[in-house]
């Protein structure tokens, strides 16, 4: 199988599976010049219509630091994998 075909099929398969199995797909709005990532981000929109799934773009600011419970910004290092907020929210 040619590399170019694999490069196109892999993001398409992942996007199809996400759109089929989830009610919501969120894709971070990154300024990436990688063609495979751009292809992957465009495909859920196509499959969302087919599988009745919602696709939203997420701004790339504070995505790993913003508390989903109270919207507070909790600074952490890149190595910290557990989110602990003063509101009591704890996520891994």
C-alpha atoms as a PDB file:
ATOM      1  CA  UNK A   1       0.000   0.000   0.000  1.00  0.00           C
ATOM      2  CA  UNK A   2       1.336   3.413  -0.893  1.00  0.00           C
ATOM      3  CA  UNK A   3       2.326   5.825   1.855  1.00  0.00           C
ATOM      4  CA  UNK A   4       0.102   8.575   0.457  1.00  0.00           C
ATOM      5  CA  UNK A   5      -2.927   6.289   0.643  1.00  0.00           C
ATOM      6  CA  UNK A   6      -2.123   5.353   4.250  1.00  0.00           C
ATOM      7  CA  UNK A   7      -1.659   9.021   5.087  1.00  0.00           C
ATOM      8  CA  UNK A   8      -5.194   9.748   3.865  1.00  0.00           C
ATOM      9  CA  UNK A   9      -6.946   6.619   5.139  1.00  0.00           C
ATOM     10  CA  UNK A  10      -5.754   6.767   8.753  1.00  0.00           C
ATOM     11  CA  UNK A  11      -7.211  10.217   9.607  1.00  0.00           C
ATOM     12  CA  UNK A  12     -10.385   9.323   7.724  1.00  0.00           C
ATOM     13  CA  UNK A  13     -10.847   6.094   9.682  1.00  0.00           C
ATOM     14  CA  UNK A  14     -10.239   7.822  13.036  1.00  0.00           C
ATOM     15  CA  UNK A  15     -12.612  10.673  12.175  1.00  0.00           C
ATOM     16  CA  UNK A  16     -15.302   8.209  11.077  1.00  0.00           C
ATOM     17  CA  UNK A  17     -14.977   6.199  14.302  1.00  0.00           C
ATOM     18  CA  UNK A  18     -15.100   9.327  16.481  1.00  0.00           C
ATOM     19  CA  UNK A  19     -18.148  10.717  14.699  1.00  0.00           C
ATOM     20  CA  UNK A  20     -19.947   7.378  14.824  1.00  0.00           C
ATOM     21  CA  UNK A  21     -19.198   6.605  18.495  1.00  0.00           C
ATOM     22  CA  UNK A  22     -19.458  10.061  20.122  1.00  0.00           C
ATOM     23  CA  UNK A  23     -22.193  12.690  20.320  1.00  0.00           C
ATOM     24  CA  UNK A  24     -19.645  15.537  20.351  1.00  0.00           C
ATOM     25  CA  UNK A  25     -16.212  15.873  18.730  1.00  0.00           C
ATOM     26  CA  UNK A  26     -14.051  18.843  19.751  1.00  0.00           C
ATOM     27  CA  UNK A  27     -11.013  19.744  17.656  1.00  0.00           C
ATOM     28  CA  UNK A  28      -8.508  22.298  18.904  1.00  0.00           C
ATOM     29  CA  UNK A  29      -8.075  25.228  16.502  1.00  0.00           C
ATOM     30  CA  UNK A  30      -4.310  25.003  16.045  1.00  0.00           C
ATOM     31  CA  UNK A  31      -2.246  26.772  13.413  1.00  0.00           C
ATOM     32  CA  UNK A  32      -0.699  23.566  12.164  1.00  0.00           C
ATOM     33  CA  UNK A  33       0.865  23.302   8.743  1.00  0.00           C
ATOM     34  CA  UNK A  34       0.701  19.516   8.838  1.00  0.00           C
ATOM     35  CA  UNK A  35      -1.566  18.312   6.039  1.00  0.00           C
ATOM     36  CA  UNK A  36      -2.582  15.146   7.904  1.00  0.00           C
ATOM     37  CA  UNK A  37      -3.824  17.137  10.927  1.00  0.00           C
ATOM     38  CA  UNK A  38      -5.778  19.517   8.693  1.00  0.00           C
ATOM     39  CA  UNK A  39      -7.347  16.545   6.914  1.00  0.00           C
ATOM     40  CA  UNK A  40      -8.233  14.946  10.232  1.00  0.00           C
ATOM     41  CA  UNK A  41      -9.917  18.119  11.527  1.00  0.00           C
ATOM     42  CA  UNK A  42     -12.003  18.487   8.376  1.00  0.00           C
ATOM     43  CA  UNK A  43     -13.250  14.899   8.221  1.00  0.00           C
ATOM     44  CA  UNK A  44     -15.398  14.844  11.416  1.00  0.00           C
ATOM     45  CA  UNK A  45     -17.479  17.667   9.943  1.00  0.00           C
ATOM     46  CA  UNK A  46     -18.292  15.451   6.963  1.00  0.00           C
ATOM     47  CA  UNK A  47     -19.072  12.375   9.062  1.00  0.00           C
ATOM     48  CA  UNK A  48     -21.009  14.391  11.674  1.00  0.00           C
ATOM     49  CA  UNK A  49     -23.795  14.950   9.165  1.00  0.00           C
ATOM     50  CA  UNK A  50     -23.940  11.236   8.455  1.00  0.00           C
ATOM     51  CA  UNK A  51     -23.869  10.065  12.095  1.00  0.00           C
ATOM     52  CA  UNK A  52     -25.764  12.976  13.736  1.00  0.00           C
ATOM     53  CA  UNK A  53     -22.735  14.142  15.715  1.00  0.00           C
ATOM     54  CA  UNK A  54     -21.831  17.695  16.735  1.00  0.00           C
ATOM     55  CA  UNK A  55     -18.369  19.044  15.875  1.00  0.00           C
ATOM     56  CA  UNK A  56     -16.998  22.132  17.632  1.00  0.00           C
ATOM     57  CA  UNK A  57     -13.744  24.046  17.367  1.00  0.00           C
ATOM     58  CA  UNK A  58     -11.927  24.775  20.623  1.00  0.00           C
ATOM     59  CA  UNK A  59      -9.640  27.808  21.010  1.00  0.00           C
ATOM     60  CA  UNK A  60      -6.097  26.694  21.883  1.00  0.00           C
ATOM     61  CA  UNK A  61      -5.797  28.914  24.955  1.00  0.00           C
ATOM     62  CA  UNK A  62      -5.583  27.313  28.423  1.00  0.00           C
ATOM     63  CA  UNK A  63      -7.195  24.043  27.295  1.00  0.00           C
ATOM     64  CA  UNK A  64      -5.276  21.976  29.861  1.00  0.00           C
ATOM     65  CA  UNK A  65      -5.351  24.628  32.605  1.00  0.00           C
ATOM     66  CA  UNK A  66      -8.992  25.745  32.626  1.00  0.00           C
ATOM     67  CA  UNK A  67     -11.181  24.053  35.238  1.00  0.00           C
ATOM     68  CA  UNK A  68     -14.243  22.461  33.648  1.00  0.00           C
ATOM     69  CA  UNK A  69     -16.202  22.973  36.871  1.00  0.00           C
ATOM     70  CA  UNK A  70     -15.615  26.668  37.685  1.00  0.00           C
ATOM     71  CA  UNK A  71     -13.639  28.061  34.671  1.00  0.00           C
ATOM     72  CA  UNK A  72     -10.693  29.061  36.893  1.00  0.00           C
ATOM     73  CA  UNK A  73      -7.207  28.912  35.368  1.00  0.00           C
ATOM     74  CA  UNK A  74      -5.054  26.430  37.315  1.00  0.00           C
ATOM     75  CA  UNK A  75      -1.395  26.694  36.285  1.00  0.00           C
ATOM     76  CA  UNK A  76       0.494  23.421  36.073  1.00  0.00           C
ATOM     77  CA  UNK A  77       3.655  22.070  34.487  1.00  0.00           C
ATOM     78  CA  UNK A  78       3.689  19.916  31.369  1.00  0.00           C
ATOM     79  CA  UNK A  79       4.465  16.886  33.537  1.00  0.00           C
ATOM     80  CA  UNK A  80       1.411  17.308  35.801  1.00  0.00           C
ATOM     81  CA  UNK A  81      -1.314  14.899  34.694  1.00  0.00           C
ATOM     82  CA  UNK A  82      -3.893  15.455  37.475  1.00  0.00           C
ATOM     83  CA  UNK A  83      -6.018  18.618  37.542  1.00  0.00           C
ATOM     84  CA  UNK A  84      -6.752  19.821  41.083  1.00  0.00           C
ATOM     85  CA  UNK A  85      -8.731  23.022  41.524  1.00  0.00           C
ATOM     86  CA  UNK A  86      -9.569  24.984  44.672  1.00  0.00           C
ATOM     87  CA  UNK A  87     -13.278  24.401  43.917  1.00  0.00           C
ATOM     88  CA  UNK A  88     -12.755  20.691  44.661  1.00  0.00           C
ATOM     89  CA  UNK A  89     -12.692  19.466  41.067  1.00  0.00           C
ATOM     90  CA  UNK A  90     -10.109  16.721  40.487  1.00  0.00           C
ATOM     91  CA  UNK A  91      -9.567  15.157  37.046  1.00  0.00           C
ATOM     92  CA  UNK A  92      -6.979  12.874  35.511  1.00  0.00           C
END
